[in-house]
N, C-alpha and C. Protein backbone atom coordinates (compact mmCIF):
# COMPACT_ATOMS: atom_id res chain seq x y z
N MET A 1 15.18 5.53 3.14
CA MET A 1 13.96 4.75 3.24
C MET A 1 13.89 3.83 2.02
N ASN A 2 13.62 2.57 2.28
CA ASN A 2 13.58 1.58 1.21
C ASN A 2 12.18 0.98 1.13
N ILE A 3 11.35 1.55 0.25
CA ILE A 3 9.98 1.07 0.06
C ILE A 3 9.83 0.58 -1.37
N GLN A 4 9.48 -0.69 -1.49
CA GLN A 4 9.26 -1.30 -2.79
C GLN A 4 7.77 -1.62 -2.94
N LEU A 5 7.35 -1.85 -4.15
CA LEU A 5 5.97 -2.23 -4.44
C LEU A 5 5.98 -3.55 -5.20
N LYS A 6 4.98 -4.39 -4.90
CA LYS A 6 4.90 -5.67 -5.61
C LYS A 6 3.47 -6.17 -5.58
N ARG A 7 3.03 -6.66 -6.73
CA ARG A 7 1.71 -7.32 -6.76
C ARG A 7 1.79 -8.61 -5.96
N VAL A 8 0.74 -8.90 -5.25
CA VAL A 8 0.70 -10.09 -4.41
C VAL A 8 0.82 -11.36 -5.25
N TYR A 9 0.48 -11.28 -6.53
CA TYR A 9 0.52 -12.44 -7.41
C TYR A 9 1.92 -12.71 -7.96
N GLN A 10 2.86 -11.78 -7.74
CA GLN A 10 4.26 -11.98 -8.14
C GLN A 10 4.96 -12.78 -7.04
N ALA A 11 5.94 -13.56 -7.43
CA ALA A 11 6.66 -14.37 -6.46
C ALA A 11 7.42 -13.50 -5.46
N ALA A 12 7.38 -13.91 -4.21
CA ALA A 12 8.14 -13.22 -3.18
C ALA A 12 9.62 -13.51 -3.39
N SER A 13 10.46 -12.56 -2.97
CA SER A 13 11.90 -12.77 -3.10
C SER A 13 12.59 -12.32 -1.81
N GLN A 14 13.82 -12.75 -1.64
CA GLN A 14 14.61 -12.42 -0.46
C GLN A 14 14.73 -10.91 -0.29
N GLY A 15 14.87 -10.19 -1.39
CA GLY A 15 15.06 -8.75 -1.34
C GLY A 15 13.82 -7.95 -0.96
N ASP A 16 12.68 -8.63 -0.84
CA ASP A 16 11.44 -7.94 -0.48
C ASP A 16 11.49 -7.39 0.95
N GLY A 17 12.26 -8.02 1.79
CA GLY A 17 12.25 -7.61 3.19
C GLY A 17 10.90 -7.92 3.82
N TYR A 18 10.37 -6.97 4.56
CA TYR A 18 9.09 -7.13 5.25
C TYR A 18 7.97 -6.89 4.26
N ARG A 19 7.13 -7.90 4.04
CA ARG A 19 6.04 -7.81 3.06
C ARG A 19 4.74 -7.47 3.77
N LEU A 20 4.18 -6.32 3.41
CA LEU A 20 2.98 -5.81 4.07
C LEU A 20 1.85 -5.64 3.06
N LEU A 21 0.78 -6.39 3.24
CA LEU A 21 -0.39 -6.26 2.37
C LEU A 21 -1.13 -4.98 2.78
N VAL A 22 -1.38 -4.09 1.81
CA VAL A 22 -1.99 -2.79 2.11
C VAL A 22 -3.35 -2.63 1.44
N ASP A 23 -4.02 -3.72 1.16
CA ASP A 23 -5.37 -3.70 0.60
C ASP A 23 -6.38 -3.97 1.72
N ARG A 24 -7.57 -3.44 1.56
CA ARG A 24 -8.63 -3.66 2.56
C ARG A 24 -9.25 -5.06 2.40
N ILE A 25 -9.20 -5.58 1.19
CA ILE A 25 -9.82 -6.88 0.89
C ILE A 25 -8.72 -7.89 0.55
N TRP A 26 -8.86 -9.11 1.05
CA TRP A 26 -7.88 -10.16 0.75
C TRP A 26 -7.90 -10.46 -0.76
N PRO A 27 -6.72 -10.65 -1.37
CA PRO A 27 -6.63 -10.92 -2.81
C PRO A 27 -7.36 -12.21 -3.22
N ARG A 28 -8.06 -12.12 -4.32
CA ARG A 28 -8.82 -13.27 -4.82
C ARG A 28 -7.90 -14.41 -5.22
N GLY A 29 -8.34 -15.61 -4.88
CA GLY A 29 -7.67 -16.80 -5.37
C GLY A 29 -6.36 -17.15 -4.70
N LEU A 30 -6.00 -16.46 -3.63
CA LEU A 30 -4.72 -16.74 -2.95
C LEU A 30 -4.95 -17.16 -1.51
N GLY A 31 -4.25 -18.21 -1.12
CA GLY A 31 -4.24 -18.59 0.27
C GLY A 31 -3.15 -17.83 1.01
N LYS A 32 -3.20 -17.87 2.32
CA LYS A 32 -2.20 -17.14 3.12
C LYS A 32 -0.78 -17.65 2.87
N GLU A 33 -0.62 -18.93 2.67
CA GLU A 33 0.72 -19.49 2.40
C GLU A 33 1.27 -18.97 1.07
N GLU A 34 0.42 -18.95 0.06
CA GLU A 34 0.83 -18.48 -1.27
C GLU A 34 1.22 -17.01 -1.26
N ALA A 35 0.50 -16.20 -0.52
CA ALA A 35 0.72 -14.75 -0.52
C ALA A 35 2.06 -14.38 0.11
N ARG A 36 2.51 -15.17 1.05
CA ARG A 36 3.80 -14.95 1.72
C ARG A 36 3.95 -13.51 2.22
N ILE A 37 2.95 -13.05 2.96
CA ILE A 37 3.04 -11.72 3.55
C ILE A 37 3.39 -11.85 5.03
N ASP A 38 4.03 -10.81 5.55
CA ASP A 38 4.38 -10.79 6.97
C ASP A 38 3.28 -10.19 7.82
N ASP A 39 2.51 -9.28 7.24
CA ASP A 39 1.43 -8.63 7.98
C ASP A 39 0.43 -8.07 6.98
N TRP A 40 -0.78 -7.82 7.46
CA TRP A 40 -1.84 -7.25 6.65
C TRP A 40 -2.38 -6.04 7.39
N MET A 41 -2.18 -4.85 6.82
CA MET A 41 -2.61 -3.62 7.47
C MET A 41 -3.80 -3.06 6.70
N LYS A 42 -4.98 -3.63 6.94
CA LYS A 42 -6.21 -3.20 6.25
C LYS A 42 -6.51 -1.73 6.51
N GLU A 43 -6.24 -1.29 7.73
CA GLU A 43 -6.63 0.05 8.13
C GLU A 43 -5.85 1.17 7.45
N ILE A 44 -4.75 0.84 6.76
CA ILE A 44 -3.99 1.85 6.01
C ILE A 44 -4.53 1.99 4.58
N ALA A 45 -5.37 1.05 4.17
CA ALA A 45 -5.95 1.08 2.82
C ALA A 45 -6.98 2.19 2.71
N PRO A 46 -7.29 2.61 1.49
CA PRO A 46 -8.35 3.61 1.31
C PRO A 46 -9.68 3.08 1.85
N SER A 47 -10.53 3.99 2.28
CA SER A 47 -11.86 3.60 2.75
C SER A 47 -12.60 2.85 1.64
N THR A 48 -13.57 2.07 2.03
CA THR A 48 -14.36 1.33 1.05
C THR A 48 -15.04 2.29 0.07
N ALA A 49 -15.56 3.40 0.59
CA ALA A 49 -16.23 4.37 -0.29
C ALA A 49 -15.26 4.95 -1.31
N LEU A 50 -14.04 5.30 -0.87
CA LEU A 50 -13.05 5.85 -1.80
C LEU A 50 -12.60 4.81 -2.81
N ARG A 51 -12.37 3.60 -2.36
CA ARG A 51 -11.95 2.53 -3.26
C ARG A 51 -12.99 2.29 -4.35
N LYS A 52 -14.26 2.24 -3.95
CA LYS A 52 -15.33 2.01 -4.93
C LYS A 52 -15.47 3.19 -5.88
N TRP A 53 -15.36 4.41 -5.36
CA TRP A 53 -15.46 5.60 -6.21
C TRP A 53 -14.35 5.59 -7.26
N PHE A 54 -13.12 5.29 -6.84
CA PHE A 54 -11.97 5.31 -7.76
C PHE A 54 -12.12 4.24 -8.85
N GLY A 55 -12.41 3.03 -8.47
CA GLY A 55 -12.59 1.95 -9.43
C GLY A 55 -11.41 1.73 -10.36
N HIS A 56 -10.22 2.14 -9.95
CA HIS A 56 -8.98 2.01 -10.74
C HIS A 56 -9.09 2.68 -12.10
N GLU A 57 -9.80 3.81 -12.14
CA GLU A 57 -9.91 4.58 -13.38
C GLU A 57 -8.80 5.63 -13.40
N PRO A 58 -7.84 5.49 -14.32
CA PRO A 58 -6.72 6.44 -14.37
C PRO A 58 -7.14 7.91 -14.43
N ALA A 59 -8.29 8.20 -15.03
CA ALA A 59 -8.76 9.58 -15.13
C ALA A 59 -9.07 10.17 -13.75
N LYS A 60 -9.33 9.32 -12.77
CA LYS A 60 -9.64 9.78 -11.41
C LYS A 60 -8.42 9.76 -10.49
N TRP A 61 -7.25 9.44 -11.03
CA TRP A 61 -6.05 9.23 -10.23
C TRP A 61 -5.69 10.42 -9.34
N GLU A 62 -5.61 11.60 -9.91
CA GLU A 62 -5.19 12.77 -9.12
C GLU A 62 -6.15 13.05 -7.97
N GLU A 63 -7.44 12.95 -8.24
CA GLU A 63 -8.43 13.18 -7.18
C GLU A 63 -8.39 12.05 -6.16
N PHE A 64 -8.18 10.83 -6.61
CA PHE A 64 -8.03 9.70 -5.68
C PHE A 64 -6.86 9.96 -4.73
N ARG A 65 -5.73 10.34 -5.29
CA ARG A 65 -4.55 10.62 -4.45
C ARG A 65 -4.87 11.70 -3.42
N ARG A 66 -5.50 12.78 -3.83
CA ARG A 66 -5.83 13.87 -2.92
C ARG A 66 -6.73 13.36 -1.78
N ARG A 67 -7.76 12.61 -2.12
CA ARG A 67 -8.68 12.09 -1.11
C ARG A 67 -8.01 11.06 -0.20
N TYR A 68 -7.19 10.20 -0.78
CA TYR A 68 -6.50 9.19 0.01
C TYR A 68 -5.49 9.84 0.96
N PHE A 69 -4.77 10.84 0.48
CA PHE A 69 -3.83 11.56 1.34
C PHE A 69 -4.57 12.20 2.51
N ALA A 70 -5.77 12.71 2.26
CA ALA A 70 -6.58 13.29 3.34
C ALA A 70 -6.94 12.21 4.37
N GLU A 71 -7.28 11.02 3.89
CA GLU A 71 -7.57 9.91 4.82
C GLU A 71 -6.33 9.53 5.61
N LEU A 72 -5.19 9.47 4.93
CA LEU A 72 -3.95 9.09 5.61
C LEU A 72 -3.56 10.12 6.68
N SER A 73 -3.86 11.38 6.44
CA SER A 73 -3.52 12.42 7.42
C SER A 73 -4.29 12.22 8.73
N LEU A 74 -5.37 11.45 8.70
CA LEU A 74 -6.14 11.15 9.90
C LEU A 74 -5.63 9.91 10.63
N ARG A 75 -4.58 9.29 10.09
CA ARG A 75 -4.00 8.08 10.68
C ARG A 75 -2.50 8.24 10.94
N PRO A 76 -2.10 9.29 11.65
CA PRO A 76 -0.67 9.57 11.81
C PRO A 76 0.11 8.46 12.50
N GLU A 77 -0.53 7.73 13.41
CA GLU A 77 0.18 6.66 14.10
C GLU A 77 0.54 5.52 13.16
N LEU A 78 -0.35 5.21 12.21
CA LEU A 78 -0.06 4.16 11.24
C LEU A 78 1.01 4.61 10.26
N VAL A 79 0.91 5.86 9.82
CA VAL A 79 1.91 6.41 8.89
C VAL A 79 3.28 6.39 9.56
N GLU A 80 3.35 6.83 10.79
CA GLU A 80 4.63 6.87 11.51
C GLU A 80 5.19 5.45 11.67
N ARG A 81 4.33 4.50 11.96
CA ARG A 81 4.78 3.10 12.08
C ARG A 81 5.42 2.61 10.79
N LEU A 82 4.80 2.94 9.65
CA LEU A 82 5.34 2.51 8.37
C LEU A 82 6.64 3.24 8.03
N VAL A 83 6.71 4.51 8.34
CA VAL A 83 7.95 5.27 8.11
C VAL A 83 9.09 4.65 8.91
N GLN A 84 8.82 4.31 10.15
CA GLN A 84 9.85 3.68 10.99
C GLN A 84 10.25 2.31 10.44
N MET A 85 9.28 1.53 10.01
CA MET A 85 9.58 0.21 9.43
C MET A 85 10.49 0.36 8.22
N ALA A 86 10.14 1.28 7.33
CA ALA A 86 10.90 1.46 6.09
C ALA A 86 12.28 2.04 6.35
N GLY A 87 12.45 2.71 7.46
CA GLY A 87 13.75 3.28 7.80
C GLY A 87 14.72 2.27 8.38
N SER A 88 14.18 1.15 8.85
CA SER A 88 15.05 0.17 9.51
C SER A 88 15.32 -1.08 8.68
N ARG A 89 14.55 -1.30 7.62
CA ARG A 89 14.72 -2.49 6.77
C ARG A 89 13.94 -2.29 5.48
N PRO A 90 14.20 -3.11 4.48
CA PRO A 90 13.40 -3.02 3.25
C PRO A 90 11.93 -3.34 3.57
N LEU A 91 11.06 -2.56 3.00
CA LEU A 91 9.62 -2.73 3.18
C LEU A 91 8.99 -2.84 1.80
N THR A 92 8.23 -3.91 1.58
CA THR A 92 7.51 -4.07 0.33
C THR A 92 6.03 -3.95 0.59
N LEU A 93 5.42 -2.94 -0.04
CA LEU A 93 3.97 -2.76 0.03
C LEU A 93 3.36 -3.68 -1.02
N VAL A 94 2.58 -4.63 -0.57
CA VAL A 94 2.00 -5.65 -1.43
C VAL A 94 0.54 -5.29 -1.70
N TYR A 95 0.14 -5.38 -2.97
CA TYR A 95 -1.20 -4.99 -3.39
C TYR A 95 -1.69 -5.98 -4.44
N SER A 96 -2.98 -5.93 -4.74
CA SER A 96 -3.52 -6.88 -5.72
C SER A 96 -3.97 -6.24 -7.03
N ALA A 97 -4.03 -4.94 -7.12
CA ALA A 97 -4.52 -4.26 -8.33
C ALA A 97 -3.71 -4.65 -9.57
N LYS A 98 -4.39 -4.73 -10.70
CA LYS A 98 -3.72 -5.05 -11.97
C LYS A 98 -2.90 -3.86 -12.48
N ASP A 99 -3.43 -2.66 -12.27
CA ASP A 99 -2.76 -1.44 -12.74
C ASP A 99 -1.60 -1.12 -11.80
N GLU A 100 -0.39 -1.25 -12.30
CA GLU A 100 0.79 -1.07 -11.46
C GLU A 100 1.18 0.40 -11.27
N GLN A 101 0.52 1.32 -11.95
CA GLN A 101 0.84 2.74 -11.83
C GLN A 101 -0.22 3.54 -11.08
N HIS A 102 -1.45 3.04 -11.05
CA HIS A 102 -2.55 3.76 -10.43
C HIS A 102 -3.23 2.86 -9.40
N ASN A 103 -2.62 2.76 -8.22
CA ASN A 103 -3.22 1.95 -7.15
C ASN A 103 -2.84 2.53 -5.80
N ASN A 104 -3.48 2.07 -4.76
CA ASN A 104 -3.27 2.64 -3.43
C ASN A 104 -1.84 2.46 -2.92
N ALA A 105 -1.15 1.39 -3.30
CA ALA A 105 0.23 1.19 -2.85
C ALA A 105 1.15 2.25 -3.43
N VAL A 106 0.95 2.63 -4.68
CA VAL A 106 1.74 3.68 -5.31
C VAL A 106 1.54 5.00 -4.56
N ALA A 107 0.28 5.32 -4.29
CA ALA A 107 -0.03 6.56 -3.57
C ALA A 107 0.50 6.51 -2.15
N LEU A 108 0.38 5.37 -1.49
CA LEU A 108 0.86 5.24 -0.12
C LEU A 108 2.37 5.43 -0.05
N ARG A 109 3.10 4.83 -0.98
CA ARG A 109 4.56 5.01 -0.98
C ARG A 109 4.91 6.50 -1.13
N GLU A 110 4.23 7.17 -2.05
CA GLU A 110 4.47 8.60 -2.24
C GLU A 110 4.21 9.37 -0.94
N TYR A 111 3.12 9.06 -0.28
CA TYR A 111 2.78 9.73 0.97
C TYR A 111 3.83 9.47 2.05
N LEU A 112 4.25 8.22 2.17
CA LEU A 112 5.24 7.85 3.19
C LEU A 112 6.57 8.54 2.92
N GLU A 113 6.97 8.61 1.66
CA GLU A 113 8.24 9.27 1.32
C GLU A 113 8.18 10.75 1.62
N SER A 114 7.02 11.38 1.41
CA SER A 114 6.91 12.80 1.74
C SER A 114 6.82 13.00 3.25
N ALA A 115 6.20 12.06 3.96
CA ALA A 115 6.09 12.15 5.43
C ALA A 115 7.46 12.00 6.08
N GLU A 116 8.32 11.17 5.49
CA GLU A 116 9.66 10.94 6.04
C GLU A 116 10.47 12.22 5.98
N GLY A 117 10.28 12.99 4.92
CA GLY A 117 11.05 14.23 4.75
C GLY A 117 10.47 15.40 5.52
N ALA A 118 9.28 15.23 6.07
CA ALA A 118 8.60 16.34 6.77
C ALA A 118 9.20 16.61 8.13
């Protein structure tokens, strides 16, 4: 499985493969042409309540992951779709958060990699 992560504000590259925006809200200040995404899967993003609760506070990271994984477990068809996509070609999960270590794309990749092995 080939899953990469990239901020939407970084330049797209040939090696990105299929670029999937995994945020619930469109990134500020970017037009669709600039973002160069292939698809936008809002429904795989954390719920609005969870996103607001987390607020990108690293101290809440472990609890955020636990709650987000619980939300993802309720969306098996979306998870399976992403696992299949990543198994057939490079998949880049595109996100807008400034924190490159504590964001929903990082957690989603971890979840997808564990789902693939299940």
